[in-house]
N, C-alpha and C. Protein backbone atom coordinates (compact mmCIF):
# COMPACT_ATOMS: atom_id res chain seq x y z
N MET A 1 -62.54 -118.33 86.47
CA MET A 1 -63.44 -118.32 85.12
C MET A 1 -64.19 -116.70 84.93
N VAL A 2 -64.35 -116.68 83.78
CA VAL A 2 -65.09 -114.86 83.53
C VAL A 2 -66.43 -115.75 83.96
N LEU A 3 -67.24 -116.50 83.17
CA LEU A 3 -68.27 -116.67 83.65
C LEU A 3 -69.03 -117.04 84.76
N LYS A 4 -67.57 -117.12 85.91
CA LYS A 4 -68.12 -117.26 87.49
C LYS A 4 -68.16 -116.29 87.76
N SER A 5 -67.76 -115.06 87.36
CA SER A 5 -67.78 -113.51 88.00
C SER A 5 -69.47 -113.40 88.50
N GLU A 6 -69.68 -113.07 89.08
CA GLU A 6 -71.02 -112.43 89.49
C GLU A 6 -71.67 -110.91 89.06
N VAL A 7 -70.08 -110.04 88.49
CA VAL A 7 -70.71 -108.98 87.76
C VAL A 7 -69.47 -108.90 86.83
N ILE A 8 -69.37 -108.22 85.54
CA ILE A 8 -68.77 -108.26 84.07
C ILE A 8 -69.27 -106.88 83.89
N LEU A 9 -68.11 -106.00 83.76
CA LEU A 9 -67.92 -104.88 82.92
C LEU A 9 -67.60 -104.90 81.53
N ALA A 10 -68.45 -104.19 80.72
CA ALA A 10 -67.81 -104.46 79.29
C ALA A 10 -67.72 -103.08 78.85
N VAL A 11 -66.54 -102.72 78.30
CA VAL A 11 -65.95 -101.46 77.90
C VAL A 11 -65.77 -101.40 76.40
N GLY A 12 -66.33 -100.21 75.72
CA GLY A 12 -66.13 -99.95 74.08
C GLY A 12 -65.97 -98.69 73.69
N ALA A 13 -65.25 -98.37 72.75
CA ALA A 13 -65.23 -97.21 72.01
C ALA A 13 -66.18 -96.65 71.60
N HIS A 14 -67.09 -97.19 70.83
CA HIS A 14 -68.43 -96.80 70.27
C HIS A 14 -69.36 -97.52 70.17
N PRO A 15 -70.63 -97.24 70.23
CA PRO A 15 -71.73 -98.43 70.12
C PRO A 15 -71.68 -98.98 68.91
N ASP A 16 -71.55 -100.53 69.32
CA ASP A 16 -71.83 -101.86 68.17
C ASP A 16 -70.36 -102.46 68.61
N ASP A 17 -69.12 -101.43 69.32
CA ASP A 17 -67.75 -102.29 69.19
C ASP A 17 -67.93 -103.37 70.41
N ILE A 18 -68.78 -103.71 71.68
CA ILE A 18 -68.67 -104.41 72.60
C ILE A 18 -69.73 -105.54 72.08
N GLU A 19 -70.89 -105.02 71.55
CA GLU A 19 -71.76 -106.34 70.92
C GLU A 19 -70.48 -107.17 69.75
N LEU A 20 -69.99 -106.46 68.98
CA LEU A 20 -69.18 -107.44 68.06
C LEU A 20 -67.98 -108.08 68.72
N GLY A 21 -67.29 -107.38 69.92
CA GLY A 21 -66.49 -107.84 70.25
C GLY A 21 -66.51 -109.29 71.33
N CYS A 22 -67.70 -108.68 72.16
CA CYS A 22 -67.98 -109.70 73.31
C CYS A 22 -69.32 -110.05 73.44
N GLY A 23 -70.05 -109.99 72.42
CA GLY A 23 -71.33 -109.65 72.47
C GLY A 23 -72.04 -111.19 72.49
N GLY A 24 -71.48 -112.25 72.02
CA GLY A 24 -71.82 -113.75 72.37
C GLY A 24 -71.24 -114.02 74.13
N THR A 25 -70.64 -113.60 74.44
CA THR A 25 -70.04 -114.11 76.05
C THR A 25 -70.78 -113.28 76.99
N LEU A 26 -71.15 -112.08 76.64
CA LEU A 26 -72.15 -111.47 77.40
C LEU A 26 -73.64 -112.30 77.74
N SER A 27 -74.01 -112.35 76.32
CA SER A 27 -75.31 -113.33 76.47
C SER A 27 -75.13 -114.56 77.16
N VAL A 28 -73.93 -115.31 77.25
CA VAL A 28 -74.18 -116.64 77.82
C VAL A 28 -74.02 -116.06 79.08
N ALA A 29 -73.44 -114.92 79.48
CA ALA A 29 -73.18 -114.88 81.14
C ALA A 29 -74.79 -114.16 81.60
N SER A 30 -75.31 -113.68 80.97
CA SER A 30 -76.76 -113.24 81.16
C SER A 30 -77.51 -114.34 81.51
N LYS A 31 -77.33 -115.30 80.61
CA LYS A 31 -78.07 -116.42 81.04
C LYS A 31 -77.86 -117.15 81.69
N LEU A 32 -76.91 -117.23 82.45
CA LEU A 32 -76.37 -117.60 83.55
C LEU A 32 -76.56 -117.05 84.86
N GLY A 33 -77.16 -115.62 84.50
CA GLY A 33 -77.68 -115.01 86.06
C GLY A 33 -76.54 -114.02 86.41
N LYS A 34 -75.61 -113.82 85.56
CA LYS A 34 -74.47 -112.68 85.95
C LYS A 34 -75.17 -111.20 85.90
N LYS A 35 -74.88 -110.33 86.26
CA LYS A 35 -75.04 -109.29 86.00
C LYS A 35 -74.08 -108.72 85.29
N VAL A 36 -74.12 -107.66 83.93
CA VAL A 36 -73.71 -107.47 83.08
C VAL A 36 -73.64 -105.63 82.97
N ILE A 37 -72.86 -104.99 82.83
CA ILE A 37 -72.73 -103.54 82.55
C ILE A 37 -71.87 -103.08 81.73
N ALA A 38 -72.66 -102.46 80.72
CA ALA A 38 -71.84 -102.26 79.41
C ALA A 38 -71.31 -100.51 79.44
N VAL A 39 -70.02 -100.08 79.00
CA VAL A 39 -70.11 -98.64 79.16
C VAL A 39 -69.44 -98.32 77.66
N PHE A 40 -69.80 -96.95 77.14
CA PHE A 40 -68.97 -96.88 75.91
C PHE A 40 -68.59 -95.08 76.10
N LEU A 41 -67.57 -94.96 75.24
CA LEU A 41 -66.92 -94.02 75.77
C LEU A 41 -67.45 -92.76 75.02
N SER A 42 -67.94 -93.25 73.66
CA SER A 42 -68.84 -92.20 72.93
C SER A 42 -70.07 -92.55 72.45
N LYS A 43 -70.45 -91.43 71.66
CA LYS A 43 -71.67 -92.13 71.03
C LYS A 43 -71.86 -92.17 69.42
N GLY A 44 -70.60 -92.29 68.98
CA GLY A 44 -70.33 -93.09 67.75
C GLY A 44 -70.76 -91.50 66.93
N GLU A 45 -70.59 -90.39 67.03
CA GLU A 45 -71.18 -89.50 66.06
C GLU A 45 -70.45 -89.31 64.66
N HIS A 46 -69.27 -89.90 64.80
CA HIS A 46 -68.44 -89.97 63.47
C HIS A 46 -68.84 -90.84 62.39
N SER A 47 -69.66 -91.84 62.57
CA SER A 47 -70.04 -92.86 62.02
C SER A 47 -71.60 -92.90 61.95
N GLY A 48 -72.12 -91.70 62.24
CA GLY A 48 -73.97 -91.93 62.53
C GLY A 48 -74.69 -90.77 63.28
N ASN A 49 -75.91 -91.01 63.45
CA ASN A 49 -76.27 -89.83 64.42
C ASN A 49 -76.53 -90.09 65.80
N PRO A 50 -75.46 -88.92 66.64
CA PRO A 50 -74.77 -89.38 67.88
C PRO A 50 -76.32 -89.73 68.73
N GLU A 51 -77.49 -89.67 68.44
CA GLU A 51 -78.86 -89.88 69.01
C GLU A 51 -79.47 -91.27 68.50
N VAL A 52 -79.14 -91.72 67.61
CA VAL A 52 -79.82 -92.75 67.05
C VAL A 52 -78.56 -94.06 67.19
N ARG A 53 -77.40 -93.79 67.30
CA ARG A 53 -76.45 -95.07 67.64
C ARG A 53 -76.23 -95.50 69.20
N PRO A 54 -76.39 -94.87 70.21
CA PRO A 54 -76.44 -95.30 70.99
C PRO A 54 -78.14 -96.26 71.59
N LYS A 55 -79.02 -95.65 70.80
CA LYS A 55 -80.53 -96.52 71.09
C LYS A 55 -80.24 -97.77 70.32
N GLU A 56 -79.34 -97.71 68.94
CA GLU A 56 -79.35 -99.23 68.39
C GLU A 56 -78.25 -100.14 69.82
N SER A 57 -77.74 -99.61 70.38
CA SER A 57 -76.98 -100.50 71.19
C SER A 57 -77.35 -100.77 72.66
N ILE A 58 -78.51 -99.97 72.79
CA ILE A 58 -79.05 -100.23 73.71
C ILE A 58 -80.07 -101.33 73.71
N GLU A 59 -80.92 -101.34 72.45
CA GLU A 59 -81.31 -102.42 72.22
C GLU A 59 -80.86 -103.72 71.65
N ALA A 60 -79.42 -103.40 71.30
CA ALA A 60 -79.02 -105.00 71.19
C ALA A 60 -78.55 -105.42 72.37
N LEU A 61 -78.05 -104.20 73.21
CA LEU A 61 -77.65 -105.37 74.62
C LEU A 61 -78.66 -105.86 74.91
N SER A 62 -79.93 -105.07 74.78
CA SER A 62 -80.98 -105.50 75.91
C SER A 62 -81.32 -107.15 75.53
N LEU A 63 -81.07 -107.25 74.23
CA LEU A 63 -81.42 -108.64 73.38
C LEU A 63 -80.27 -109.70 74.08
N LEU A 64 -79.36 -109.07 75.04
CA LEU A 64 -78.24 -109.95 75.00
C LEU A 64 -78.26 -110.03 76.52
N GLY A 65 -78.95 -109.31 77.30
CA GLY A 65 -79.25 -109.35 78.73
C GLY A 65 -79.26 -108.48 79.42
N VAL A 66 -78.18 -107.52 78.79
CA VAL A 66 -77.55 -106.37 79.54
C VAL A 66 -78.85 -105.64 79.68
N LYS A 67 -78.59 -105.00 80.64
CA LYS A 67 -79.78 -104.04 81.42
C LYS A 67 -79.03 -102.75 81.64
N GLU A 68 -77.99 -102.44 81.90
CA GLU A 68 -77.30 -101.28 82.48
C GLU A 68 -76.28 -100.75 81.15
N VAL A 69 -76.58 -99.78 80.45
CA VAL A 69 -75.80 -99.29 79.49
C VAL A 69 -75.55 -97.89 79.64
N TYR A 70 -74.41 -97.60 79.82
CA TYR A 70 -74.14 -96.32 79.64
C TYR A 70 -72.99 -95.74 78.54
N PHE A 71 -73.20 -94.20 78.30
CA PHE A 71 -72.34 -93.37 77.30
C PHE A 71 -71.65 -92.22 77.96
N GLY A 72 -70.14 -92.25 77.70
CA GLY A 72 -69.70 -90.74 78.06
C GLY A 72 -69.79 -89.82 76.81
N ASP A 73 -69.39 -88.96 76.96
CA ASP A 73 -69.38 -87.97 75.88
C ASP A 73 -67.89 -87.48 75.33
N PHE A 74 -67.19 -88.25 75.14
CA PHE A 74 -65.79 -88.19 74.47
C PHE A 74 -65.97 -88.28 73.11
N PRO A 75 -64.94 -87.32 72.26
CA PRO A 75 -65.56 -87.30 71.22
C PRO A 75 -65.11 -88.59 70.16
N ASP A 76 -65.86 -88.98 69.14
CA ASP A 76 -65.52 -90.19 68.79
C ASP A 76 -64.23 -89.84 67.27
N THR A 77 -63.60 -90.89 67.29
CA THR A 77 -62.32 -90.65 66.42
C THR A 77 -60.72 -90.12 67.44
N GLU A 78 -61.65 -89.15 68.50
CA GLU A 78 -60.76 -88.44 69.34
C GLU A 78 -60.27 -88.93 70.78
N ILE A 79 -60.73 -89.74 71.06
CA ILE A 79 -61.05 -90.45 72.39
C ILE A 79 -59.59 -89.86 73.27
N PRO A 80 -59.77 -89.20 74.28
CA PRO A 80 -58.26 -88.67 74.68
C PRO A 80 -57.76 -89.87 75.32
N CYS A 81 -56.18 -89.65 75.71
CA CYS A 81 -55.62 -90.19 76.85
C CYS A 81 -55.33 -88.98 77.63
N SER A 82 -56.48 -89.04 78.76
CA SER A 82 -56.61 -88.15 79.84
C SER A 82 -57.12 -88.64 81.16
N ARG A 83 -56.68 -87.82 82.30
CA ARG A 83 -57.34 -88.35 83.79
C ARG A 83 -58.88 -87.95 83.44
N GLN A 84 -59.63 -87.42 82.87
CA GLN A 84 -60.71 -87.47 82.77
C GLN A 84 -61.32 -88.66 82.44
N ALA A 85 -60.89 -88.98 81.29
CA ALA A 85 -61.04 -90.38 80.70
C ALA A 85 -60.91 -91.36 81.59
N ILE A 86 -59.93 -91.76 82.32
CA ILE A 86 -59.49 -92.84 83.27
C ILE A 86 -60.31 -92.70 83.98
N ASP A 87 -60.68 -91.71 84.80
CA ASP A 87 -61.83 -91.44 86.06
C ASP A 87 -63.06 -92.12 85.56
N PHE A 88 -63.51 -91.67 84.40
CA PHE A 88 -64.81 -92.27 83.94
C PHE A 88 -65.18 -93.20 84.11
N LEU A 89 -63.68 -94.16 83.41
CA LEU A 89 -64.22 -95.87 83.52
C LEU A 89 -63.83 -96.19 85.20
N GLU A 90 -62.78 -95.61 85.42
CA GLU A 90 -62.57 -96.13 86.75
C GLU A 90 -64.21 -95.65 87.66
N ALA A 91 -64.90 -95.15 87.60
CA ALA A 91 -65.79 -94.84 88.43
C ALA A 91 -66.79 -95.99 88.27
N PHE A 92 -66.84 -96.77 87.23
CA PHE A 92 -67.96 -97.91 87.14
C PHE A 92 -67.49 -98.66 87.92
N TYR A 93 -65.85 -98.77 87.79
CA TYR A 93 -65.29 -100.39 88.83
C TYR A 93 -65.62 -100.12 90.31
N VAL A 94 -64.95 -98.79 90.72
CA VAL A 94 -65.67 -98.35 92.19
C VAL A 94 -66.85 -98.65 92.40
N ALA A 95 -67.93 -98.23 91.83
CA ALA A 95 -69.34 -98.29 92.01
C ALA A 95 -69.90 -99.73 91.97
N ASN A 96 -69.29 -100.50 90.92
CA ASN A 96 -69.97 -101.96 90.78
C ASN A 96 -69.04 -103.01 91.12
N LYS A 97 -67.59 -103.29 91.48
CA LYS A 97 -66.90 -103.84 91.45
C LYS A 97 -66.78 -105.11 91.01
N PRO A 98 -66.73 -104.93 89.61
CA PRO A 98 -66.81 -106.02 88.69
C PRO A 98 -65.83 -107.10 88.71
N GLU A 99 -65.90 -108.22 89.30
CA GLU A 99 -64.62 -109.47 88.97
C GLU A 99 -63.88 -109.20 87.62
N THR A 100 -64.99 -109.33 86.45
CA THR A 100 -64.08 -109.28 85.28
C THR A 100 -64.46 -108.02 84.32
N ILE A 101 -63.35 -107.54 83.73
CA ILE A 101 -63.69 -106.62 82.77
C ILE A 101 -63.01 -106.92 81.23
N LEU A 102 -63.99 -106.65 80.37
CA LEU A 102 -64.15 -106.94 79.25
C LEU A 102 -63.75 -105.77 78.42
N THR A 103 -62.43 -105.37 77.56
CA THR A 103 -62.41 -104.24 77.15
C THR A 103 -61.54 -104.55 75.23
N HIS A 104 -61.31 -103.11 75.09
CA HIS A 104 -60.43 -103.48 73.55
C HIS A 104 -59.13 -103.91 73.94
N THR A 105 -58.61 -104.38 72.74
CA THR A 105 -57.32 -104.77 72.73
C THR A 105 -56.37 -103.30 72.23
N VAL A 106 -55.12 -103.45 72.43
CA VAL A 106 -54.25 -102.34 72.14
C VAL A 106 -53.93 -102.87 70.75
N ASN A 107 -53.78 -103.64 70.24
CA ASN A 107 -53.60 -104.35 68.96
C ASN A 107 -54.51 -104.27 68.16
N ASP A 108 -54.93 -102.95 67.78
CA ASP A 108 -55.88 -102.58 67.07
C ASP A 108 -55.74 -101.24 65.68
N ILE A 109 -56.19 -101.11 64.82
CA ILE A 109 -55.46 -100.12 63.80
C ILE A 109 -56.53 -98.76 64.18
N HIS A 110 -57.59 -99.05 64.99
CA HIS A 110 -58.98 -97.52 65.08
C HIS A 110 -58.02 -97.20 66.43
N GLN A 111 -57.48 -95.63 66.20
CA GLN A 111 -56.80 -94.89 67.15
C GLN A 111 -57.95 -95.01 68.87
N ASP A 112 -58.90 -95.07 68.26
CA ASP A 112 -60.12 -94.74 69.58
C ASP A 112 -59.78 -96.34 70.20
N HIS A 113 -60.14 -97.40 69.43
CA HIS A 113 -60.16 -98.75 70.42
C HIS A 113 -58.78 -99.02 70.71
N ARG A 114 -57.65 -98.48 70.61
CA ARG A 114 -56.29 -98.53 71.13
C ARG A 114 -56.41 -97.52 72.52
N GLN A 115 -56.78 -96.54 72.29
CA GLN A 115 -57.03 -95.49 73.24
C GLN A 115 -57.82 -96.35 74.48
N VAL A 116 -59.06 -96.70 74.04
CA VAL A 116 -59.49 -97.29 75.40
C VAL A 116 -59.07 -98.67 75.91
N GLY A 117 -58.31 -99.17 74.76
CA GLY A 117 -57.27 -100.35 75.44
C GLY A 117 -56.49 -99.94 76.76
N TRP A 118 -55.61 -98.88 76.48
CA TRP A 118 -54.96 -98.25 77.27
C TRP A 118 -55.44 -97.86 78.48
N LEU A 119 -56.42 -96.90 78.27
CA LEU A 119 -57.40 -96.22 79.51
C LEU A 119 -57.70 -97.69 80.44
N SER A 120 -58.16 -98.27 79.85
CA SER A 120 -58.31 -99.64 80.98
C SER A 120 -57.53 -100.22 81.54
N VAL A 121 -56.24 -100.25 80.79
CA VAL A 121 -55.28 -101.11 82.05
C VAL A 121 -54.77 -99.62 82.85
N SER A 122 -54.80 -98.83 82.70
CA SER A 122 -54.80 -97.65 83.88
C SER A 122 -56.19 -97.39 84.99
N ALA A 123 -57.21 -97.66 84.19
CA ALA A 123 -58.39 -97.53 85.18
C ALA A 123 -59.05 -98.70 85.84
N PHE A 124 -58.70 -99.91 85.47
CA PHE A 124 -59.10 -100.57 86.09
C PHE A 124 -57.58 -101.33 86.69
N ARG A 125 -56.89 -100.75 86.99
CA ARG A 125 -55.51 -101.39 87.47
C ARG A 125 -55.57 -102.11 88.81
N ASN A 126 -56.91 -101.99 89.66
CA ASN A 126 -56.78 -102.71 90.66
C ASN A 126 -57.84 -103.86 90.41
N ALA A 127 -58.37 -104.21 89.28
CA ALA A 127 -59.30 -104.95 88.74
C ALA A 127 -58.60 -106.69 88.64
N PRO A 128 -59.20 -107.84 89.05
CA PRO A 128 -58.88 -109.06 89.49
C PRO A 128 -58.30 -109.96 87.91
N ARG A 129 -59.52 -108.95 86.94
CA ARG A 129 -59.66 -109.89 85.70
C ARG A 129 -59.74 -108.92 84.61
N LEU A 130 -58.82 -108.64 83.72
CA LEU A 130 -58.74 -107.87 82.71
C LEU A 130 -58.36 -108.80 81.20
N LEU A 131 -59.63 -108.69 80.42
CA LEU A 131 -59.20 -109.39 79.11
C LEU A 131 -59.77 -108.47 77.95
N ALA A 132 -58.94 -108.80 77.04
CA ALA A 132 -59.07 -107.63 75.61
C ALA A 132 -59.61 -108.37 74.81
N TYR A 133 -60.85 -107.75 74.06
CA TYR A 133 -61.46 -108.57 72.95
C TYR A 133 -61.37 -108.04 71.38
N GLU A 134 -61.28 -108.86 70.48
CA GLU A 134 -61.20 -108.07 69.18
C GLU A 134 -62.60 -107.79 68.55
N THR A 135 -62.14 -106.52 67.43
CA THR A 135 -63.16 -105.99 66.97
C THR A 135 -62.51 -106.39 65.52
N PRO A 136 -63.39 -106.13 64.26
CA PRO A 136 -62.68 -106.25 62.89
C PRO A 136 -61.33 -105.61 62.03
N ARG A 137 -60.84 -104.51 63.34
CA ARG A 137 -59.80 -103.79 63.04
C ARG A 137 -58.85 -104.11 63.86
N VAL A 138 -58.39 -105.64 64.52
CA VAL A 138 -57.11 -105.82 64.93
C VAL A 138 -56.03 -106.02 64.13
N THR A 139 -55.09 -106.03 64.78
CA THR A 139 -54.08 -106.16 63.84
C THR A 139 -53.30 -107.58 63.96
N PRO A 140 -52.37 -107.86 63.11
CA PRO A 140 -51.92 -109.68 63.28
C PRO A 140 -51.12 -109.71 64.90
N ALA A 141 -51.20 -108.49 65.66
CA ALA A 141 -50.49 -108.56 66.69
C ALA A 141 -51.22 -109.08 67.74
N PHE A 142 -52.93 -109.31 67.69
CA PHE A 142 -53.83 -109.85 68.62
C PHE A 142 -53.55 -111.11 68.45
N SER A 143 -53.35 -111.39 69.62
CA SER A 143 -52.78 -112.91 69.83
C SER A 143 -53.77 -113.18 71.45
N PRO A 144 -55.05 -114.26 71.04
CA PRO A 144 -55.86 -114.28 71.95
C PRO A 144 -55.22 -115.86 72.73
N THR A 145 -55.14 -115.78 74.13
CA THR A 145 -55.40 -117.31 75.14
C THR A 145 -56.31 -117.57 75.71
N TYR A 146 -57.36 -116.99 75.69
CA TYR A 146 -58.47 -117.13 76.49
C TYR A 146 -59.74 -117.17 75.57
N PHE A 147 -60.53 -118.27 75.64
CA PHE A 147 -61.67 -118.13 74.54
C PHE A 147 -62.60 -118.87 75.41
N VAL A 148 -64.21 -118.30 74.84
CA VAL A 148 -65.64 -118.67 75.58
C VAL A 148 -66.04 -119.07 74.49
N ASP A 149 -66.68 -120.30 74.89
CA ASP A 149 -67.78 -121.23 73.96
C ASP A 149 -69.02 -120.21 73.76
N ILE A 150 -69.38 -119.78 72.62
CA ILE A 150 -70.60 -119.06 72.19
C ILE A 150 -71.50 -120.12 71.40
N THR A 151 -71.20 -121.56 71.40
CA THR A 151 -72.20 -122.28 70.36
C THR A 151 -73.86 -121.87 70.25
N ASN A 152 -74.22 -121.94 71.79
CA ASN A 152 -75.55 -121.73 71.77
C ASN A 152 -75.66 -119.99 71.61
N CYS A 153 -75.15 -119.31 71.52
CA CYS A 153 -75.51 -118.00 71.65
C CYS A 153 -74.97 -117.16 70.23
N VAL A 154 -74.59 -117.77 69.09
CA VAL A 154 -74.31 -116.88 67.91
C VAL A 154 -75.46 -116.50 67.48
N ASN A 155 -76.65 -117.31 67.33
CA ASN A 155 -78.15 -116.45 67.33
C ASN A 155 -78.19 -115.30 67.80
N ASP A 156 -78.17 -115.22 69.10
CA ASP A 156 -78.38 -114.16 69.70
C ASP A 156 -77.30 -112.75 69.71
N LYS A 157 -76.06 -113.23 68.99
CA LYS A 157 -75.44 -112.28 68.99
C LYS A 157 -75.72 -111.59 67.49
N TRP A 158 -76.29 -112.53 66.33
CA TRP A 158 -76.41 -112.03 65.04
C TRP A 158 -77.80 -110.98 65.52
N THR A 159 -78.55 -111.38 66.20
CA THR A 159 -80.02 -110.87 66.44
C THR A 159 -79.42 -109.38 67.20
N ALA A 160 -78.49 -109.28 67.91
CA ALA A 160 -78.25 -108.17 68.47
C ALA A 160 -77.49 -106.94 67.31
N LEU A 161 -76.54 -107.76 67.09
CA LEU A 161 -76.01 -106.94 65.78
C LEU A 161 -77.17 -106.28 64.50
N LYS A 162 -78.20 -107.19 64.34
CA LYS A 162 -78.89 -106.50 63.09
C LYS A 162 -79.59 -105.30 63.93
N CYS A 163 -79.72 -105.02 65.23
CA CYS A 163 -80.39 -103.44 65.54
C CYS A 163 -79.34 -102.56 65.05
N HIS A 164 -78.32 -102.74 64.86
CA HIS A 164 -77.09 -101.33 64.41
C HIS A 164 -77.54 -101.39 62.74
N PHE A 165 -78.89 -100.74 62.52
CA PHE A 165 -79.48 -100.39 61.21
C PHE A 165 -78.55 -99.41 60.82
N SER A 166 -78.22 -98.38 61.49
CA SER A 166 -77.30 -97.34 60.77
C SER A 166 -76.15 -97.77 60.21
N GLN A 167 -76.07 -98.87 60.70
CA GLN A 167 -74.26 -99.52 59.99
C GLN A 167 -74.24 -100.60 58.77
N LYS A 168 -75.57 -100.91 58.74
CA LYS A 168 -75.74 -101.78 57.90
C LYS A 168 -74.92 -101.99 56.63
N SER A 169 -74.31 -100.95 56.31
CA SER A 169 -73.56 -101.09 54.83
C SER A 169 -72.02 -101.47 54.92
N LYS A 170 -72.01 -101.52 56.40
CA LYS A 170 -70.40 -101.87 57.32
C LYS A 170 -70.23 -103.56 56.85
N ARG A 171 -69.12 -103.65 56.15
CA ARG A 171 -68.65 -105.19 55.91
C ARG A 171 -68.71 -105.94 57.26
N TYR A 172 -68.18 -105.24 57.93
CA TYR A 172 -67.69 -106.05 59.47
C TYR A 172 -69.23 -106.30 60.39
N ILE A 173 -70.46 -105.71 59.74
CA ILE A 173 -71.21 -106.11 60.61
C ILE A 173 -72.56 -107.49 59.90
N THR A 174 -72.25 -107.94 58.78
CA THR A 174 -72.68 -108.80 58.43
C THR A 174 -72.78 -110.01 58.93
N TYR A 175 -73.68 -110.74 58.58
CA TYR A 175 -73.84 -112.55 59.52
C TYR A 175 -72.38 -113.19 58.82
N GLU A 176 -72.19 -113.02 57.58
CA GLU A 176 -71.05 -113.92 57.29
C GLU A 176 -69.70 -113.49 58.16
N SER A 177 -69.48 -112.12 58.27
CA SER A 177 -68.22 -111.63 59.05
C SER A 177 -68.22 -112.14 60.78
N MET A 178 -69.53 -112.25 60.86
CA MET A 178 -69.75 -112.34 62.62
C MET A 178 -69.66 -114.35 62.57
N VAL A 179 -70.06 -114.78 61.69
CA VAL A 179 -70.06 -116.35 61.87
C VAL A 179 -68.58 -117.03 61.58
N ASN A 180 -68.35 -116.11 60.70
CA ASN A 180 -66.98 -116.77 60.03
C ASN A 180 -65.76 -116.58 61.18
N LEU A 181 -66.02 -115.51 62.01
CA LEU A 181 -64.97 -115.43 62.75
C LEU A 181 -65.30 -115.87 63.74
N ALA A 182 -66.66 -116.46 64.22
CA ALA A 182 -66.86 -117.27 65.56
C ALA A 182 -66.21 -118.62 64.88
N SER A 183 -66.32 -119.03 64.07
CA SER A 183 -66.42 -120.29 63.39
C SER A 183 -64.76 -120.42 63.52
N PHE A 184 -63.73 -119.74 63.26
CA PHE A 184 -62.57 -119.62 63.09
C PHE A 184 -61.62 -119.64 64.59
N ARG A 185 -62.33 -118.58 65.12
CA ARG A 185 -61.91 -119.10 66.64
C ARG A 185 -62.14 -120.17 67.37
N GLY A 186 -63.74 -120.73 66.84
CA GLY A 186 -63.97 -122.13 67.65
C GLY A 186 -63.10 -122.87 67.30
N SER A 187 -63.12 -122.94 65.73
CA SER A 187 -62.03 -124.27 65.49
C SER A 187 -60.43 -123.95 65.93
N GLN A 188 -60.25 -123.01 66.42
CA GLN A 188 -58.67 -123.28 67.29
C GLN A 188 -58.86 -123.99 68.38
N VAL A 189 -60.13 -124.31 69.00
CA VAL A 189 -60.05 -124.77 70.51
C VAL A 189 -61.23 -125.64 70.28
N SER A 190 -61.33 -126.20 69.15
CA SER A 190 -62.13 -127.21 68.88
C SER A 190 -63.39 -127.33 69.72
N LEU A 191 -63.98 -126.00 69.04
CA LEU A 191 -65.67 -125.51 69.20
C LEU A 191 -66.26 -125.31 67.98
N PRO A 192 -67.72 -125.47 67.98
CA PRO A 192 -68.27 -124.85 66.73
C PRO A 192 -68.33 -123.51 66.99
N ALA A 193 -68.00 -122.63 67.88
CA ALA A 193 -68.05 -121.42 67.72
C ALA A 193 -67.53 -120.69 69.33
N ALA A 194 -66.49 -119.75 69.12
CA ALA A 194 -65.91 -119.08 70.43
C ALA A 194 -65.49 -117.49 70.02
N GLU A 195 -65.72 -116.89 71.12
CA GLU A 195 -64.93 -115.59 71.04
C GLU A 195 -63.83 -115.39 71.73
N ALA A 196 -62.59 -114.79 71.67
CA ALA A 196 -61.31 -114.89 71.72
C ALA A 196 -60.82 -113.63 72.54
N PHE A 197 -60.13 -113.89 73.43
CA PHE A 197 -59.74 -112.55 74.50
C PHE A 197 -58.28 -112.60 74.70
N GLU A 198 -57.60 -111.67 74.79
CA GLU A 198 -56.06 -111.63 74.96
C GLU A 198 -56.25 -111.49 76.64
N VAL A 199 -55.16 -111.99 77.54
CA VAL A 199 -55.46 -111.92 78.99
C VAL A 199 -54.67 -110.92 79.34
N VAL A 200 -54.88 -109.54 79.63
CA VAL A 200 -54.15 -108.26 80.18
C VAL A 200 -53.51 -108.54 81.48
N ARG A 201 -54.62 -108.96 82.46
CA ARG A 201 -54.52 -109.81 83.94
C ARG A 201 -55.67 -110.73 84.16
N TYR A 202 -54.71 -111.66 85.18
CA TYR A 202 -55.93 -112.41 85.32
C TYR A 202 -55.43 -113.15 86.70
N VAL A 203 -56.12 -112.91 87.89
CA VAL A 203 -55.93 -113.42 89.12
C VAL A 203 -56.83 -114.47 89.95
N GLU A 204 -56.31 -115.13 90.07
CA GLU A 204 -57.18 -116.38 90.40
C GLU A 204 -56.99 -116.43 92.44
N LYS A 205 -58.09 -116.20 92.71
CA LYS A 205 -58.02 -116.16 94.26
C LYS A 205 -58.60 -117.54 94.80
N PRO A 206 -57.98 -117.66 95.84
CA PRO A 206 -58.44 -118.92 96.82
C PRO A 206 -59.71 -118.55 97.61
N PHE A 207 -60.75 -119.28 97.56
CA PHE A 207 -62.30 -119.15 97.94
C PHE A 207 -62.15 -120.06 99.35
C-alpha cells in the first residue's frame, strides 16, 4: 500500500502540478509520519514569475507536511526527453530510495506532463511502485485503478492550492474544480472524496 511506504517521492513538471494531482495523498501520508519529497523539473516560467512560482509551491507543500522540495532548471513547455532529465530524476531515487513514486500520467494533453510521465518510467525503472496522478489536462485515456481516500484532507488540499496566488485566474485551481473532482473520484469507490492514480508498476514484496 502507498500509505505504508516510509518514503514517498512526488514528481511534477511545474509548480502546482503535485499539489493538484496528489496533494491530498501527500497530506494523508505526512500525517501518518511518512517522509515525502517533492521534485519539480521546471520553475513554471511560462505561466508566471520563475522566482515567485517555486515559493508558492514550497509554501503550499509545507502546509501538506512536505519539508523537502526541489526544482530543476528544465525549460517550461519544453522539458526534454534527454539523459540529463532522466539522470536528474534518477538521482533522487538513488539518494532517497522511495518505496512509492507519484508522477504525471502520460495520458495528458500538456507536452511537459506527458514528457515527465515518460521520463519517470525510465528514471524510476528500479522502483517497486510507480503511480501516475491526474491533472486537469488529462485525456479520456486516463484510466485510474488505484484510489486514495482524502476525505479528511480535502480542506488541507484547498488551503495549499490557495498559496498559488499567481495562478488564481486559472479555472482549474478553483475550489469548485478541486472538490468536484475529489467528489467524483470518491463516488467511483464509495468514498466522500478520493484521488485517483494509474498503476504504472506495483510490486508487492513479502515481509
